[in-house]
C-alpha cells in the first residue's frame, strides 16, 4: 500500500465521512476542517534486509484521529478498514490540553 492509497482508504472510512478531512502530517495553518479529522505521517523505515540490500521496503506510519470527545464510531471505522486490508495496527490515546482535543494514534506498517 502506498501513502496515496492509504489516504484514499482513510477518506472512505464511515461511508466517506472523512473526504477532505485527511492530510499528510498537518493541514495548512488556519485550514483545518472541523473535528473529527485525520492526519497521517511516515515515522521511520523498518526494512527487511537480505544479502546486503533492502529486500522488502517497510514504512512505519502513524494515523492520528483528532476529535473533541471519544469518537468510537470513527475509531471502529478506521480499525475496520485496517482489518479489511489486513494491516496490523496498535492504538494509543492522548489528550492534548492546549488544543482541548483527543488524539488516537494508530501505528501501522506499509
C-alpha atoms as a PDB file:
ATOM      1  CA  UNK A   1       0.000   0.000   0.000  1.00  0.00           C
ATOM      2  CA  UNK A   2       1.282   3.459  -0.874  1.00  0.00           C
ATOM      3  CA  UNK A   3       0.710   6.639   1.111  1.00  0.00           C
ATOM      4  CA  UNK A   4      -1.725   7.832  -1.594  1.00  0.00           C
ATOM      5  CA  UNK A   5      -3.693   4.586  -1.301  1.00  0.00           C
ATOM      6  CA  UNK A   6      -3.730   4.945   2.491  1.00  0.00           C
ATOM      7  CA  UNK A   7      -5.112   8.490   2.183  1.00  0.00           C
ATOM      8  CA  UNK A   8      -7.886   7.277  -0.133  1.00  0.00           C
ATOM      9  CA  UNK A   9      -8.744   4.432   2.263  1.00  0.00           C
ATOM     10  CA  UNK A  10      -8.859   6.828   5.229  1.00  0.00           C
ATOM     11  CA  UNK A  11     -11.117   9.251   3.355  1.00  0.00           C
ATOM     12  CA  UNK A  12     -13.518   6.352   2.760  1.00  0.00           C
ATOM     13  CA  UNK A  13     -13.896   5.498   6.450  1.00  0.00           C
ATOM     14  CA  UNK A  14     -17.513   5.645   7.669  1.00  0.00           C
ATOM     15  CA  UNK A  15     -19.090   5.990   4.215  1.00  0.00           C
ATOM     16  CA  UNK A  16     -16.713   8.736   3.039  1.00  0.00           C
ATOM     17  CA  UNK A  17     -17.168  10.828   6.198  1.00  0.00           C
ATOM     18  CA  UNK A  18     -13.521  11.906   6.011  1.00  0.00           C
ATOM     19  CA  UNK A  19     -13.355  13.142   2.399  1.00  0.00           C
ATOM     20  CA  UNK A  20     -11.420  16.423   2.614  1.00  0.00           C
ATOM     21  CA  UNK A  21     -10.627  15.713   6.263  1.00  0.00           C
ATOM     22  CA  UNK A  22      -7.402  13.705   5.791  1.00  0.00           C
ATOM     23  CA  UNK A  23      -3.969  15.310   5.472  1.00  0.00           C
ATOM     24  CA  UNK A  24      -0.365  14.203   5.389  1.00  0.00           C
ATOM     25  CA  UNK A  25       1.296  15.429   8.606  1.00  0.00           C
ATOM     26  CA  UNK A  26      -0.921  18.532   9.121  1.00  0.00           C
ATOM     27  CA  UNK A  27      -3.405  20.844   7.489  1.00  0.00           C
ATOM     28  CA  UNK A  28      -2.180  24.303   6.484  1.00  0.00           C
ATOM     29  CA  UNK A  29      -2.392  26.868   9.288  1.00  0.00           C
ATOM     30  CA  UNK A  30      -5.954  28.121   9.562  1.00  0.00           C
ATOM     31  CA  UNK A  31      -7.278  25.497   7.115  1.00  0.00           C
ATOM     32  CA  UNK A  32      -8.001  22.564   9.415  1.00  0.00           C
ATOM     33  CA  UNK A  33     -11.517  21.193   8.970  1.00  0.00           C
ATOM     34  CA  UNK A  34     -13.943  20.761  11.829  1.00  0.00           C
ATOM     35  CA  UNK A  35     -13.352  17.838  14.178  1.00  0.00           C
ATOM     36  CA  UNK A  36     -13.045  14.926  13.740  1.00  0.00           C
ATOM     37  CA  UNK A  37     -10.232  14.790  11.192  1.00  0.00           C
ATOM     38  CA  UNK A  38      -7.275  12.541  10.395  1.00  0.00           C
ATOM     39  CA  UNK A  39      -3.579  13.219   9.821  1.00  0.00           C
ATOM     40  CA  UNK A  40      -1.035  10.564   8.907  1.00  0.00           C
ATOM     41  CA  UNK A  41       2.745  10.600   8.582  1.00  0.00           C
ATOM     42  CA  UNK A  42       5.766   8.403   7.984  1.00  0.00           C
ATOM     43  CA  UNK A  43       7.706   7.719  11.154  1.00  0.00           C
ATOM     44  CA  UNK A  44      10.653   5.615  10.015  1.00  0.00           C
ATOM     45  CA  UNK A  45      11.573   2.609   7.925  1.00  0.00           C
ATOM     46  CA  UNK A  46      11.795  -0.940   9.215  1.00  0.00           C
ATOM     47  CA  UNK A  47      13.105  -2.584   6.056  1.00  0.00           C
ATOM     48  CA  UNK A  48      13.750  -6.291   5.604  1.00  0.00           C
ATOM     49  CA  UNK A  49      17.380  -6.698   4.585  1.00  0.00           C
ATOM     50  CA  UNK A  50      18.950  -9.702   2.853  1.00  0.00           C
ATOM     51  CA  UNK A  51      22.241 -10.178   1.010  1.00  0.00           C
ATOM     52  CA  UNK A  52      23.444  -6.672   1.975  1.00  0.00           C
ATOM     53  CA  UNK A  53      20.494  -4.894   0.362  1.00  0.00           C
ATOM     54  CA  UNK A  54      16.937  -3.861   1.123  1.00  0.00           C
ATOM     55  CA  UNK A  55      14.898  -6.875   0.109  1.00  0.00           C
ATOM     56  CA  UNK A  56      11.495  -5.503   1.145  1.00  0.00           C
ATOM     57  CA  UNK A  57      10.773  -1.862   1.995  1.00  0.00           C
ATOM     58  CA  UNK A  58       8.598  -1.370   5.099  1.00  0.00           C
ATOM     59  CA  UNK A  59       7.460   2.064   6.240  1.00  0.00           C
ATOM     60  CA  UNK A  60       6.147   2.748   9.736  1.00  0.00           C
ATOM     61  CA  UNK A  61       3.210   5.165   9.628  1.00  0.00           C
ATOM     62  CA  UNK A  62       1.154   6.855  12.322  1.00  0.00           C
ATOM     63  CA  UNK A  63      -2.522   7.563  11.668  1.00  0.00           C
ATOM     64  CA  UNK A  64      -3.827  10.254  14.022  1.00  0.00           C
ATOM     65  CA  UNK A  65      -7.556  10.724  14.640  1.00  0.00           C
ATOM     66  CA  UNK A  66      -8.392  14.057  16.290  1.00  0.00           C
ATOM     67  CA  UNK A  67     -11.761  14.674  17.965  1.00  0.00           C
ATOM     68  CA  UNK A  68     -13.272  16.829  20.679  1.00  0.00           C
ATOM     69  CA  UNK A  69     -14.578  13.776  22.548  1.00  0.00           C
ATOM     70  CA  UNK A  70     -14.276   9.995  22.425  1.00  0.00           C
ATOM     71  CA  UNK A  71     -15.387   9.028  18.892  1.00  0.00           C
ATOM     72  CA  UNK A  72     -15.870   5.259  18.939  1.00  0.00           C
ATOM     73  CA  UNK A  73     -17.677   5.311  15.565  1.00  0.00           C
ATOM     74  CA  UNK A  74     -14.644   6.804  13.793  1.00  0.00           C
ATOM     75  CA  UNK A  75     -12.258   4.560  15.725  1.00  0.00           C
ATOM     76  CA  UNK A  76     -14.239   1.467  14.751  1.00  0.00           C
ATOM     77  CA  UNK A  77     -14.329   2.687  11.126  1.00  0.00           C
ATOM     78  CA  UNK A  78     -10.551   3.088  10.984  1.00  0.00           C
ATOM     79  CA  UNK A  79      -9.985  -0.254  12.691  1.00  0.00           C
ATOM     80  CA  UNK A  80     -12.413  -1.991  10.349  1.00  0.00           C
ATOM     81  CA  UNK A  81     -10.685  -0.518   7.279  1.00  0.00           C
ATOM     82  CA  UNK A  82      -7.261  -1.613   8.579  1.00  0.00           C
ATOM     83  CA  UNK A  83      -8.546  -5.097   9.417  1.00  0.00           C
ATOM     84  CA  UNK A  84     -10.195  -5.459   5.992  1.00  0.00           C
ATOM     85  CA  UNK A  85      -6.890  -4.557   4.334  1.00  0.00           C
ATOM     86  CA  UNK A  86      -5.068  -6.993   6.657  1.00  0.00           C
ATOM     87  CA  UNK A  87      -2.930  -4.218   8.145  1.00  0.00           C
ATOM     88  CA  UNK A  88      -1.737  -4.923  11.680  1.00  0.00           C
ATOM     89  CA  UNK A  89      -2.177  -1.950  13.992  1.00  0.00           C
ATOM     90  CA  UNK A  90      -1.556  -0.748  17.532  1.00  0.00           C
ATOM     91  CA  UNK A  91      -3.506   2.059  19.188  1.00  0.00           C
ATOM     92  CA  UNK A  92      -2.713   4.739  21.774  1.00  0.00           C
ATOM     93  CA  UNK A  93      -4.853   7.537  23.170  1.00  0.00           C
ATOM     94  CA  UNK A  94      -3.749  11.014  24.310  1.00  0.00           C
ATOM     95  CA  UNK A  95      -5.452  14.213  25.378  1.00  0.00           C
ATOM     96  CA  UNK A  96      -3.919  17.451  24.104  1.00  0.00           C
ATOM     97  CA  UNK A  97      -4.702  20.034  26.796  1.00  0.00           C
ATOM     98  CA  UNK A  98      -3.565  23.064  24.796  1.00  0.00           C
ATOM     99  CA  UNK A  99      -5.961  22.156  21.943  1.00  0.00           C
ATOM    100  CA  UNK A 100      -8.769  20.645  24.041  1.00  0.00           C
ATOM    101  CA  UNK A 101      -8.866  17.593  21.816  1.00  0.00           C
ATOM    102  CA  UNK A 102      -8.414  13.863  21.971  1.00  0.00           C
ATOM    103  CA  UNK A 103      -5.797  12.171  19.773  1.00  0.00           C
ATOM    104  CA  UNK A 104      -5.995   8.484  18.887  1.00  0.00           C
ATOM    105  CA  UNK A 105      -2.811   7.203  17.234  1.00  0.00           C
ATOM    106  CA  UNK A 106      -2.717   4.019  15.157  1.00  0.00           C
ATOM    107  CA  UNK A 107       0.741   2.636  14.445  1.00  0.00           C
ATOM    108  CA  UNK A 108       0.930   0.577  11.243  1.00  0.00           C
ATOM    109  CA  UNK A 109       3.487  -0.687   8.742  1.00  0.00           C
ATOM    110  CA  UNK A 110       3.011  -0.474   4.981  1.00  0.00           C
END
